Amino acid sequence: MELQDIRGAVEALRGEVRKAIVGQDEVVDLMLTSLLVGGHILLEGVPGTAKTLMTQAFAAGLSLRFGRIQFTPDLMPGDVLGTNLFNFQTNSFVLTKGPIFTQLLLADEINRAPPKTQAALLQAMNERVVTIDGRDYPLGDEFMVVATQNPIEQQGTYPLPEAQLDRFLLKIIVSYPSIEEEREILRRHGHRSAMPRLQDFDLKPVVEAVALSAIREAVTRIRLSDALVDYIVGVVRATRTHASLAVGASTRAGNMLASAVRALAALQGRDFVIPDDVKVLALPVLRHRVTLSPGAEVEGLSSDRILREILDQTAAPR
């Protein structure tokens, strides 16, 4: 697949999402970046910033099976994965598949489920396989999780463990729209209090599964120079020695960043990566993979602020 074909597919998908979503262009582009390399996405934002609707519109533009799990404190692993039930007619156990058996899964309010249930996603997100009663069931290469979480509500929520966070390629912060975007949202949807339905926007799948596989294969061939490899390694290793970080980014984080910058280059119509690609994606890729030191927490520092400091201090190739 040629770069112009990738741009055409991406623009078509972006256009479908914009039928339902006003603004949030940066978030949509980051979601597209993750899609091109098959990475999982964590969307974090306050209620009412269209996280769920955005994911539904994103899925509607793809010819992939879509599933949704509304995470709650009483959700059990079997509710996610499924379970073997005894069939008295055949005198054997038959698997009743859970909602995880899909291609694009919306894990809505993922931090409302207890750790035991969150852990049910670990194997699926890492290996795209689930094991039930000792038997492996593949989910397919297209399997992708888009999870949402609310950063401000604490009652009835459980922090995502580090192992779970590490499975997400990007953690995307969904902020409030601009004033003009908010005016347009009110013009479009201010006549109703309920969330708009996707059927109202006439969204159509514009990217077939076969085309998506070809796009992902083409993205792997985007050029990443040795100088940029050294730059990525330098940024990742700097997180491990920074005084304000108790735990830095792992080697997997570097691999994730190298993969994501190739997708961003393809998204912008280039067959090569530039330093700005690394700077754009360093925060979404690394912000959930580093841990603040106790002193930094007391001072009120954020991982984003420290990562920006590291980027400023790490020399980029010319």
C-alpha atoms as a PDB file:
ATOM      1  CA  MET A   1       0.000   0.000   0.000  1.00  0.00           C
ATOM      2  CA  GLU A   2       1.291   3.450  -0.980  1.00  0.00           C
ATOM      3  CA  LEU A   3       1.433   6.474   1.315  1.00  0.00           C
ATOM      4  CA  GLN A   4      -1.291   8.258  -0.627  1.00  0.00           C
ATOM      5  CA  ASP A   5      -3.574   5.255  -0.097  1.00  0.00           C
ATOM      6  CA  ILE A   6      -2.908   5.404   3.634  1.00  0.00           C
ATOM      7  CA  ARG A   7      -3.649   9.140   3.685  1.00  0.00           C
ATOM      8  CA  GLY A   8      -6.865   8.548   1.757  1.00  0.00           C
ATOM      9  CA  ALA A   9      -8.066   5.865   4.183  1.00  0.00           C
ATOM     10  CA  VAL A  10      -7.142   7.968   7.198  1.00  0.00           C
ATOM     11  CA  GLU A  11      -8.880  11.065   5.830  1.00  0.00           C
ATOM     12  CA  ALA A  12     -12.022   9.042   5.115  1.00  0.00           C
ATOM     13  CA  LEU A  13     -12.064   7.676   8.664  1.00  0.00           C
ATOM     14  CA  ARG A  14     -11.343  11.104  10.130  1.00  0.00           C
ATOM     15  CA  GLY A  15     -14.252  12.500   8.108  1.00  0.00           C
ATOM     16  CA  GLU A  16     -16.661   9.902   9.510  1.00  0.00           C
ATOM     17  CA  VAL A  17     -15.633  10.685  13.081  1.00  0.00           C
ATOM     18  CA  ARG A  18     -16.114  14.412  12.472  1.00  0.00           C
ATOM     19  CA  LYS A  19     -19.736  13.797  11.505  1.00  0.00           C
ATOM     20  CA  ALA A  20     -20.395  13.060  15.160  1.00  0.00           C
ATOM     21  CA  ILE A  21     -17.589  14.848  17.001  1.00  0.00           C
ATOM     22  CA  VAL A  22     -16.879  18.577  17.023  1.00  0.00           C
ATOM     23  CA  GLY A  23     -13.212  19.393  17.619  1.00  0.00           C
ATOM     24  CA  GLN A  24     -10.898  17.054  19.543  1.00  0.00           C
ATOM     25  CA  ASP A  25      -8.757  16.827  16.391  1.00  0.00           C
ATOM     26  CA  GLU A  26      -5.598  16.045  18.366  1.00  0.00           C
ATOM     27  CA  VAL A  27      -7.316  13.201  20.214  1.00  0.00           C
ATOM     28  CA  VAL A  28      -8.695  11.752  16.974  1.00  0.00           C
ATOM     29  CA  ASP A  29      -5.262  11.914  15.322  1.00  0.00           C
ATOM     30  CA  LEU A  30      -3.689  10.121  18.285  1.00  0.00           C
ATOM     31  CA  MET A  31      -6.375   7.436  18.083  1.00  0.00           C
ATOM     32  CA  LEU A  32      -5.643   7.050  14.375  1.00  0.00           C
ATOM     33  CA  THR A  33      -1.928   6.802  15.149  1.00  0.00           C
ATOM     34  CA  SER A  34      -2.601   3.949  17.558  1.00  0.00           C
ATOM     35  CA  LEU A  35      -4.930   2.249  15.085  1.00  0.00           C
ATOM     36  CA  LEU A  36      -2.220   2.162  12.400  1.00  0.00           C
ATOM     37  CA  VAL A  37       0.013   0.021  14.611  1.00  0.00           C
ATOM     38  CA  GLY A  38      -2.696  -1.941  16.411  1.00  0.00           C
ATOM     39  CA  GLY A  39      -2.048  -0.366  19.803  1.00  0.00           C
ATOM     40  CA  HIS A  40      -4.500  -0.092  22.677  1.00  0.00           C
ATOM     41  CA  ILE A  41      -5.750   3.317  23.836  1.00  0.00           C
ATOM     42  CA  LEU A  42      -6.613   4.757  27.244  1.00  0.00           C
ATOM     43  CA  LEU A  43      -8.772   7.890  27.097  1.00  0.00           C
ATOM     44  CA  GLU A  44      -8.803   9.934  30.294  1.00  0.00           C
ATOM     45  CA  GLY A  45     -11.104  12.891  30.757  1.00  0.00           C
ATOM     46  CA  VAL A  46     -13.834  14.328  32.921  1.00  0.00           C
ATOM     47  CA  PRO A  47     -17.434  13.245  32.247  1.00  0.00           C
ATOM     48  CA  GLY A  48     -19.131  14.900  29.311  1.00  0.00           C
ATOM     49  CA  THR A  49     -16.120  15.261  27.002  1.00  0.00           C
ATOM     50  CA  ALA A  50     -17.451  12.738  24.420  1.00  0.00           C
ATOM     51  CA  LYS A  51     -15.018   9.912  25.172  1.00  0.00           C
ATOM     52  CA  THR A  52     -17.598   7.190  24.640  1.00  0.00           C
ATOM     53  CA  LEU A  53     -19.246   8.831  21.624  1.00  0.00           C
ATOM     54  CA  MET A  54     -15.842   9.433  20.042  1.00  0.00           C
ATOM     55  CA  THR A  55     -14.923   5.758  20.413  1.00  0.00           C
ATOM     56  CA  GLN A  56     -18.266   4.646  18.992  1.00  0.00           C
ATOM     57  CA  ALA A  57     -17.847   6.966  15.989  1.00  0.00           C
ATOM     58  CA  PHE A  58     -14.277   5.733  15.540  1.00  0.00           C
ATOM     59  CA  ALA A  59     -15.494   2.127  15.513  1.00  0.00           C
ATOM     60  CA  ALA A  60     -18.356   2.935  13.122  1.00  0.00           C
ATOM     61  CA  GLY A  61     -15.849   3.996  10.463  1.00  0.00           C
ATOM     62  CA  LEU A  62     -14.116   0.610  10.601  1.00  0.00           C
ATOM     63  CA  SER A  63     -15.326  -2.726   9.266  1.00  0.00           C
ATOM     64  CA  LEU A  64     -14.492  -4.400  12.569  1.00  0.00           C
ATOM     65  CA  ARG A  65     -16.779  -6.128  15.047  1.00  0.00           C
ATOM     66  CA  PHE A  66     -17.484  -3.722  17.883  1.00  0.00           C
ATOM     67  CA  GLY A  67     -18.111  -4.703  21.481  1.00  0.00           C
ATOM     68  CA  ARG A  68     -18.622  -2.753  24.678  1.00  0.00           C
ATOM     69  CA  ILE A  69     -18.185  -3.575  28.345  1.00  0.00           C
ATOM     70  CA  GLN A  70     -19.523  -1.185  30.962  1.00  0.00           C
ATOM     71  CA  PHE A  71     -17.140  -1.770  33.859  1.00  0.00           C
ATOM     72  CA  THR A  72     -18.738  -1.806  37.316  1.00  0.00           C
ATOM     73  CA  PRO A  73     -17.494  -2.765  40.804  1.00  0.00           C
ATOM     74  CA  ASP A  74     -19.403  -6.065  40.716  1.00  0.00           C
ATOM     75  CA  LEU A  75     -18.133  -7.133  37.282  1.00  0.00           C
ATOM     76  CA  MET A  76     -16.416 -10.522  37.402  1.00  0.00           C
ATOM     77  CA  PRO A  77     -13.696 -11.949  35.092  1.00  0.00           C
ATOM     78  CA  GLY A  78     -16.187 -14.457  33.706  1.00  0.00           C
ATOM     79  CA  ASP A  79     -18.442 -11.574  32.663  1.00  0.00           C
ATOM     80  CA  VAL A  80     -15.597 -10.349  30.461  1.00  0.00           C
ATOM     81  CA  LEU A  81     -14.068 -13.577  29.153  1.00  0.00           C
ATOM     82  CA  GLY A  82     -17.042 -15.953  29.173  1.00  0.00           C
ATOM     83  CA  THR A  83     -17.402 -19.344  30.805  1.00  0.00           C
ATOM     84  CA  ASN A  84     -17.828 -23.018  30.029  1.00  0.00           C
ATOM     85  CA  LEU A  85     -21.383 -24.222  30.661  1.00  0.00           C
ATOM     86  CA  PHE A  86     -22.420 -27.865  30.758  1.00  0.00           C
ATOM     87  CA  ASN A  87     -24.696 -28.940  27.913  1.00  0.00           C
ATOM     88  CA  PHE A  88     -26.846 -31.833  29.103  1.00  0.00           C
ATOM     89  CA  GLN A  89     -27.872 -32.716  25.539  1.00  0.00           C
ATOM     90  CA  THR A  90     -24.306 -33.278  24.341  1.00  0.00           C
ATOM     91  CA  ASN A  91     -22.985 -34.248  27.778  1.00  0.00           C
ATOM     92  CA  SER A  92     -20.085 -31.795  27.362  1.00  0.00           C
ATOM     93  CA  PHE A  93     -19.004 -28.298  28.325  1.00  0.00           C
ATOM     94  CA  VAL A  94     -19.611 -25.536  25.769  1.00  0.00           C
ATOM     95  CA  LEU A  95     -17.954 -22.127  25.869  1.00  0.00           C
ATOM     96  CA  THR A  96     -20.294 -19.177  26.173  1.00  0.00           C
ATOM     97  CA  LYS A  97     -18.065 -16.377  24.879  1.00  0.00           C
ATOM     98  CA  GLY A  98     -17.889 -13.089  26.722  1.00  0.00           C
ATOM     99  CA  PRO A  99     -17.882  -9.608  25.146  1.00  0.00           C
ATOM    100  CA  ILE A 100     -14.084  -9.663  24.852  1.00  0.00           C
ATOM    101  CA  PHE A 101     -14.497 -11.869  21.776  1.00  0.00           C
ATOM    102  CA  THR A 102     -14.681  -8.979  19.345  1.00  0.00           C
ATOM    103  CA  GLN A 103     -12.252  -6.900  17.282  1.00  0.00           C
ATOM    104  CA  LEU A 104     -12.614  -3.386  18.701  1.00  0.00           C
ATOM    105  CA  LEU A 105     -13.563  -3.382  22.373  1.00  0.00           C
ATOM    106  CA  LEU A 106     -14.751  -0.307  24.268  1.00  0.00           C
ATOM    107  CA  ALA A 107     -13.864  -0.794  27.942  1.00  0.00           C
ATOM    108  CA  ASP A 108     -16.003   1.997  29.358  1.00  0.00           C
ATOM    109  CA  GLU A 109     -14.953   3.395  32.755  1.00  0.00           C
ATOM    110  CA  ILE A 110     -12.356   0.672  33.137  1.00  0.00           C
ATOM    111  CA  ASN A 111     -11.204   1.936  36.526  1.00  0.00           C
ATOM    112  CA  ARG A 112     -14.581   1.081  38.091  1.00  0.00           C
ATOM    113  CA  ALA A 113     -13.799  -2.653  37.985  1.00  0.00           C
ATOM    114  CA  PRO A 114     -11.754  -4.315  40.761  1.00  0.00           C
ATOM    115  CA  PRO A 115      -8.173  -5.457  40.046  1.00  0.00           C
ATOM    116  CA  LYS A 116      -9.212  -9.098  39.584  1.00  0.00           C
ATOM    117  CA  THR A 117     -11.499  -8.138  36.708  1.00  0.00           C
ATOM    118  CA  GLN A 118      -9.004  -5.671  35.218  1.00  0.00           C
ATOM    119  CA  ALA A 119      -6.472  -8.513  35.188  1.00  0.00           C
ATOM    120  CA  ALA A 120      -8.767 -10.476  32.869  1.00  0.00           C
ATOM    121  CA  LEU A 121      -7.687  -8.070  30.113  1.00  0.00           C
ATOM    122  CA  LEU A 122      -3.933  -8.458  30.641  1.00  0.00           C
ATOM    123  CA  GLN A 123      -3.378 -11.563  28.518  1.00  0.00           C
ATOM    124  CA  ALA A 124      -5.852 -10.432  25.859  1.00  0.00           C
ATOM    125  CA  MET A 125      -4.176  -7.049  25.425  1.00  0.00           C
ATOM    126  CA  ASN A 126      -0.638  -8.414  25.416  1.00  0.00           C
ATOM    127  CA  GLU A 127      -1.004 -11.666  23.473  1.00  0.00           C
ATOM    128  CA  ARG A 128      -4.429 -11.252  21.804  1.00  0.00           C
ATOM    129  CA  VAL A 129      -5.353 -14.607  23.310  1.00  0.00           C
ATOM    130  CA  VAL A 130      -7.530 -15.558  26.283  1.00  0.00           C
ATOM    131  CA  THR A 131      -7.188 -18.728  28.307  1.00  0.00           C
ATOM    132  CA  ILE A 132     -10.341 -20.284  29.751  1.00  0.00           C
ATOM    133  CA  ASP A 133     -10.131 -23.531  31.730  1.00  0.00           C
ATOM    134  CA  GLY A 134      -6.688 -24.245  30.340  1.00  0.00           C
ATOM    135  CA  ARG A 135      -7.601 -23.769  26.675  1.00  0.00           C
ATOM    136  CA  ASP A 136      -6.363 -20.867  24.536  1.00  0.00           C
ATOM    137  CA  TYR A 137      -8.744 -18.909  22.330  1.00  0.00           C
ATOM    138  CA  PRO A 138      -7.166 -16.444  19.851  1.00  0.00           C
ATOM    139  CA  LEU A 139      -8.803 -13.040  19.426  1.00  0.00           C
ATOM    140  CA  GLY A 140      -7.144 -12.168  16.104  1.00  0.00           C
ATOM    141  CA  ASP A 141      -4.577  -9.575  15.071  1.00  0.00           C
ATOM    142  CA  GLU A 142      -7.276  -6.895  14.733  1.00  0.00           C
ATOM    143  CA  PHE A 143      -8.170  -7.024  18.444  1.00  0.00           C
ATOM    144  CA  MET A 144      -7.872  -3.564  19.955  1.00  0.00           C
ATOM    145  CA  VAL A 145      -9.021  -2.060  23.257  1.00  0.00           C
ATOM    146  CA  VAL A 146     -10.134   1.535  23.702  1.00  0.00           C
ATOM    147  CA  ALA A 147     -10.656   2.177  27.417  1.00  0.00           C
ATOM    148  CA  THR A 148     -12.046   5.270  29.120  1.00  0.00           C
ATOM    149  CA  GLN A 149     -11.608   6.479  32.663  1.00  0.00           C
ATOM    150  CA  ASN A 150     -12.626   9.429  34.811  1.00  0.00           C
ATOM    151  CA  PRO A 151      -9.618  11.092  36.521  1.00  0.00           C
ATOM    152  CA  ILE A 152     -11.507  13.009  39.198  1.00  0.00           C
ATOM    153  CA  GLU A 153     -13.999  10.597  40.746  1.00  0.00           C
ATOM    154  CA  GLN A 154     -12.489   8.401  43.459  1.00  0.00           C
ATOM    155  CA  GLN A 155     -15.490   6.717  45.087  1.00  0.00           C
ATOM    156  CA  GLY A 156     -16.100   3.264  43.612  1.00  0.00           C
ATOM    157  CA  THR A 157     -12.961   3.326  41.449  1.00  0.00           C
ATOM    158  CA  TYR A 158      -9.770   1.289  41.472  1.00  0.00           C
ATOM    159  CA  PRO A 159      -6.438   2.652  40.178  1.00  0.00           C
ATOM    160  CA  LEU A 160      -5.178   0.737  37.173  1.00  0.00           C
ATOM    161  CA  PRO A 161      -2.111  -1.336  38.134  1.00  0.00           C
ATOM    162  CA  GLU A 162       1.177  -0.592  36.385  1.00  0.00           C
ATOM    163  CA  ALA A 163       1.068  -3.889  34.467  1.00  0.00           C
ATOM    164  CA  GLN A 164      -2.332  -2.942  33.068  1.00  0.00           C
ATOM    165  CA  LEU A 165      -1.273   0.587  32.148  1.00  0.00           C
ATOM    166  CA  ASP A 166       1.787  -0.725  30.341  1.00  0.00           C
ATOM    167  CA  ARG A 167      -0.457  -2.587  27.874  1.00  0.00           C
ATOM    168  CA  PHE A 168      -1.805   0.694  26.493  1.00  0.00           C
ATOM    169  CA  LEU A 169       0.206   2.202  23.664  1.00  0.00           C
ATOM    170  CA  LEU A 170      -1.153   5.696  24.361  1.00  0.00           C
ATOM    171  CA  LYS A 171      -2.750   7.438  27.296  1.00  0.00           C
ATOM    172  CA  ILE A 172      -4.643  10.336  25.756  1.00  0.00           C
ATOM    173  CA  ILE A 173      -5.913  13.220  27.861  1.00  0.00           C
ATOM    174  CA  VAL A 174      -9.304  14.402  26.592  1.00  0.00           C
ATOM    175  CA  SER A 175      -9.646  18.060  27.552  1.00  0.00           C
ATOM    176  CA  TYR A 176     -12.483  20.547  27.247  1.00  0.00           C
ATOM    177  CA  PRO A 177     -13.259  21.891  23.745  1.00  0.00           C
ATOM    178  CA  SER A 178     -12.358  25.405  22.698  1.00  0.00           C
ATOM    179  CA  ILE A 179     -14.964  28.139  23.040  1.00  0.00           C
ATOM    180  CA  GLU A 180     -15.851  28.018  19.332  1.00  0.00           C
ATOM    181  CA  GLU A 181     -16.095  24.226  19.399  1.00  0.00           C
ATOM    182  CA  GLU A 182     -18.327  24.378  22.463  1.00  0.00           C
ATOM    183  CA  ARG A 183     -20.623  26.860  20.753  1.00  0.00           C
ATOM    184  CA  GLU A 184     -20.897  24.541  17.744  1.00  0.00           C
ATOM    185  CA  ILE A 185     -21.656  21.554  20.012  1.00  0.00           C
ATOM    186  CA  LEU A 186     -24.506  23.497  21.608  1.00  0.00           C
ATOM    187  CA  ARG A 187     -25.831  24.540  18.195  1.00  0.00           C
ATOM    188  CA  ARG A 188     -25.879  20.919  17.026  1.00  0.00           C
ATOM    189  CA  HIS A 189     -26.991  19.119  20.153  1.00  0.00           C
ATOM    190  CA  GLY A 190     -28.407  21.761  22.498  1.00  0.00           C
ATOM    191  CA  HIS A 191     -31.994  20.756  21.667  1.00  0.00           C
ATOM    192  CA  ARG A 192     -31.732  17.469  23.583  1.00  0.00           C
ATOM    193  CA  SER A 193     -30.393  16.311  26.926  1.00  0.00           C
ATOM    194  CA  ALA A 194     -29.658  12.687  25.994  1.00  0.00           C
ATOM    195  CA  MET A 195     -26.419  11.638  24.306  1.00  0.00           C
ATOM    196  CA  PRO A 196     -26.736  11.681  20.504  1.00  0.00           C
ATOM    197  CA  ARG A 197     -27.246   8.327  18.808  1.00  0.00           C
ATOM    198  CA  LEU A 198     -24.820   7.177  16.142  1.00  0.00           C
ATOM    199  CA  GLN A 199     -27.739   6.439  13.828  1.00  0.00           C
ATOM    200  CA  ASP A 200     -28.428  10.165  13.714  1.00  0.00           C
ATOM    201  CA  PHE A 201     -25.098  10.823  11.964  1.00  0.00           C
ATOM    202  CA  ASP A 202     -25.323   8.218   9.177  1.00  0.00           C
ATOM    203  CA  LEU A 203     -21.795   6.934   9.818  1.00  0.00           C
ATOM    204  CA  LYS A 204     -20.479   4.335   7.377  1.00  0.00           C
ATOM    205  CA  PRO A 205     -17.513   1.949   7.542  1.00  0.00           C
ATOM    206  CA  VAL A 206     -14.861   3.352   5.219  1.00  0.00           C
ATOM    207  CA  VAL A 207     -11.833   1.188   6.099  1.00  0.00           C
ATOM    208  CA  GLU A 208     -12.092  -2.544   5.481  1.00  0.00           C
ATOM    209  CA  ALA A 209     -10.263  -5.071   7.661  1.00  0.00           C
ATOM    210  CA  VAL A 210      -8.092  -6.156   4.719  1.00  0.00           C
ATOM    211  CA  ALA A 211      -7.100  -2.556   3.994  1.00  0.00           C
ATOM    212  CA  LEU A 212      -6.287  -1.998   7.658  1.00  0.00           C
ATOM    213  CA  SER A 213      -3.954  -5.007   7.651  1.00  0.00           C
ATOM    214  CA  ALA A 214      -2.208  -3.669   4.548  1.00  0.00           C
ATOM    215  CA  ILE A 215      -1.849  -0.224   6.146  1.00  0.00           C
ATOM    216  CA  ARG A 216      -0.290  -1.697   9.269  1.00  0.00           C
ATOM    217  CA  GLU A 217       2.143  -3.702   7.172  1.00  0.00           C
ATOM    218  CA  ALA A 218       3.123  -0.565   5.230  1.00  0.00           C
ATOM    219  CA  VAL A 219       3.669   1.409   8.441  1.00  0.00           C
ATOM    220  CA  THR A 220       6.305  -1.087   9.594  1.00  0.00           C
ATOM    221  CA  ARG A 221       8.415  -0.029   6.588  1.00  0.00           C
ATOM    222  CA  ILE A 222       8.507   3.667   7.541  1.00  0.00           C
ATOM    223  CA  ARG A 223      12.178   4.643   7.967  1.00  0.00           C
ATOM    224  CA  LEU A 224      13.526   5.286  11.454  1.00  0.00           C
ATOM    225  CA  SER A 225      17.152   6.427  11.259  1.00  0.00           C
ATOM    226  CA  ASP A 226      19.837   5.315  13.687  1.00  0.00           C
ATOM    227  CA  ALA A 227      20.072   8.884  14.958  1.00  0.00           C
ATOM    228  CA  LEU A 228      16.384   8.850  15.868  1.00  0.00           C
ATOM    229  CA  VAL A 229      16.736   5.430  17.474  1.00  0.00           C
ATOM    230  CA  ASP A 230      19.477   6.939  19.640  1.00  0.00           C
ATOM    231  CA  TYR A 231      17.210   9.904  20.417  1.00  0.00           C
ATOM    232  CA  ILE A 232      14.364   7.653  21.563  1.00  0.00           C
ATOM    233  CA  VAL A 233      16.749   5.565  23.663  1.00  0.00           C
ATOM    234  CA  GLY A 234      18.153   8.759  25.185  1.00  0.00           C
ATOM    235  CA  VAL A 235      14.700  10.024  26.178  1.00  0.00           C
ATOM    236  CA  VAL A 236      13.639   6.681  27.637  1.00  0.00           C
ATOM    237  CA  ARG A 237      16.858   6.189  29.596  1.00  0.00           C
ATOM    238  CA  ALA A 238      16.683   9.738  30.949  1.00  0.00           C
ATOM    239  CA  THR A 239      13.414   8.843  32.687  1.00  0.00           C
ATOM    240  CA  ARG A 240      15.287   6.214  34.714  1.00  0.00           C
ATOM    241  CA  THR A 241      17.782   8.661  36.183  1.00  0.00           C
ATOM    242  CA  HIS A 242      15.602  11.726  36.721  1.00  0.00           C
ATOM    243  CA  ALA A 243      15.452  12.713  40.386  1.00  0.00           C
ATOM    244  CA  SER A 244      11.687  13.296  40.285  1.00  0.00           C
ATOM    245  CA  LEU A 245      10.849   9.835  38.933  1.00  0.00           C
ATOM    246  CA  ALA A 246      10.912   6.787  41.187  1.00  0.00           C
ATOM    247  CA  VAL A 247      10.417   4.403  38.234  1.00  0.00           C
ATOM    248  CA  GLY A 248      11.361   5.224  34.668  1.00  0.00           C
ATOM    249  CA  ALA A 249      10.139   3.855  31.366  1.00  0.00           C
ATOM    250  CA  SER A 250      10.928   0.277  30.374  1.00  0.00           C
ATOM    251  CA  THR A 251      12.464  -1.069  27.189  1.00  0.00           C
ATOM    252  CA  ARG A 252       8.955  -1.928  26.040  1.00  0.00           C
ATOM    253  CA  ALA A 253       8.152   1.787  26.285  1.00  0.00           C
ATOM    254  CA  GLY A 254      10.958   2.524  23.814  1.00  0.00           C
ATOM    255  CA  ASN A 255       9.611  -0.100  21.425  1.00  0.00           C
ATOM    256  CA  MET A 256       6.137   1.383  21.718  1.00  0.00           C
ATOM    257  CA  LEU A 257       7.442   4.876  20.979  1.00  0.00           C
ATOM    258  CA  ALA A 258       9.426   3.648  17.965  1.00  0.00           C
ATOM    259  CA  SER A 259       6.293   1.969  16.617  1.00  0.00           C
ATOM    260  CA  ALA A 260       4.032   4.968  17.246  1.00  0.00           C
ATOM    261  CA  VAL A 261       6.298   7.531  15.552  1.00  0.00           C
ATOM    262  CA  ARG A 262       6.258   5.446  12.367  1.00  0.00           C
ATOM    263  CA  ALA A 263       2.454   5.592  12.396  1.00  0.00           C
ATOM    264  CA  LEU A 264       2.448   9.358  12.954  1.00  0.00           C
ATOM    265  CA  ALA A 265       4.836   9.838  10.029  1.00  0.00           C
ATOM    266  CA  ALA A 266       2.541   7.785   7.777  1.00  0.00           C
ATOM    267  CA  LEU A 267      -0.451   9.768   9.035  1.00  0.00           C
ATOM    268  CA  GLN A 268       1.273  12.923   7.822  1.00  0.00           C
ATOM    269  CA  GLY A 269       2.231  11.430   4.457  1.00  0.00           C
ATOM    270  CA  ARG A 270       5.926  10.822   5.138  1.00  0.00           C
ATOM    271  CA  ASP A 271       7.893   7.602   4.685  1.00  0.00           C
ATOM    272  CA  PHE A 272      10.423   8.686   7.293  1.00  0.00           C
ATOM    273  CA  VAL A 273      10.327   9.779  10.929  1.00  0.00           C
ATOM    274  CA  ILE A 274      11.490  13.210  12.108  1.00  0.00           C
ATOM    275  CA  PRO A 275      12.413  14.372  15.647  1.00  0.00           C
ATOM    276  CA  ASP A 276       9.133  16.274  15.993  1.00  0.00           C
ATOM    277  CA  ASP A 277       7.257  12.965  15.750  1.00  0.00           C
ATOM    278  CA  VAL A 278       9.084  11.782  18.861  1.00  0.00           C
ATOM    279  CA  LYS A 279       8.336  15.045  20.682  1.00  0.00           C
ATOM    280  CA  VAL A 280       4.627  14.849  19.837  1.00  0.00           C
ATOM    281  CA  LEU A 281       4.230  11.256  20.994  1.00  0.00           C
ATOM    282  CA  ALA A 282       6.634  11.095  23.940  1.00  0.00           C
ATOM    283  CA  LEU A 283       4.013  12.262  26.446  1.00  0.00           C
ATOM    284  CA  PRO A 284       1.103  10.033  25.311  1.00  0.00           C
ATOM    285  CA  VAL A 285       3.414   6.997  25.156  1.00  0.00           C
ATOM    286  CA  LEU A 286       5.370   7.583  28.377  1.00  0.00           C
ATOM    287  CA  ARG A 287       3.100   9.494  30.800  1.00  0.00           C
ATOM    288  CA  HIS A 288       1.501   6.303  32.160  1.00  0.00           C
ATOM    289  CA  ARG A 289       4.751   4.335  32.233  1.00  0.00           C
ATOM    290  CA  VAL A 290       6.670   6.459  34.736  1.00  0.00           C
ATOM    291  CA  THR A 291       6.101   6.821  38.483  1.00  0.00           C
ATOM    292  CA  LEU A 292       6.652  10.038  40.396  1.00  0.00           C
ATOM    293  CA  SER A 293       8.949  10.051  43.397  1.00  0.00           C
ATOM    294  CA  PRO A 294       7.355  10.883  46.786  1.00  0.00           C
ATOM    295  CA  GLY A 295       9.102  14.255  46.753  1.00  0.00           C
ATOM    296  CA  ALA A 296       7.702  15.117  43.330  1.00  0.00           C
ATOM    297  CA  GLU A 297       4.192  14.228  44.477  1.00  0.00           C
ATOM    298  CA  VAL A 298       4.552  16.478  47.517  1.00  0.00           C
ATOM    299  CA  GLU A 299       5.684  19.316  45.256  1.00  0.00           C
ATOM    300  CA  GLY A 300       2.664  18.785  43.016  1.00  0.00           C
ATOM    301  CA  LEU A 301       4.671  17.910  39.917  1.00  0.00           C
ATOM    302  CA  SER A 302       3.140  15.913  37.082  1.00  0.00           C
ATOM    303  CA  SER A 303       4.634  13.269  34.833  1.00  0.00           C
ATOM    304  CA  ASP A 304       3.879  15.472  31.811  1.00  0.00           C
ATOM    305  CA  ARG A 305       5.905  18.347  33.245  1.00  0.00           C
ATOM    306  CA  ILE A 306       8.889  16.094  33.969  1.00  0.00           C
ATOM    307  CA  LEU A 307       8.719  14.468  30.531  1.00  0.00           C
ATOM    308  CA  ARG A 308       8.706  17.899  28.873  1.00  0.00           C
ATOM    309  CA  GLU A 309      11.772  18.774  30.933  1.00  0.00           C
ATOM    310  CA  ILE A 310      13.512  15.600  29.735  1.00  0.00           C
ATOM    311  CA  LEU A 311      12.636  16.391  26.110  1.00  0.00           C
ATOM    312  CA  ASP A 312      14.070  19.895  26.527  1.00  0.00           C
ATOM    313  CA  GLN A 313      17.287  18.509  27.971  1.00  0.00           C
ATOM    314  CA  THR A 314      17.792  15.693  25.445  1.00  0.00           C
ATOM    315  CA  ALA A 315      19.491  16.785  22.243  1.00  0.00           C
ATOM    316  CA  ALA A 316      17.454  15.944  19.141  1.00  0.00           C
ATOM    317  CA  PRO A 317      19.215  14.936  15.904  1.00  0.00           C
ATOM    318  CA  ARG A 318      19.377  17.552  13.194  1.00  0.00           C
END
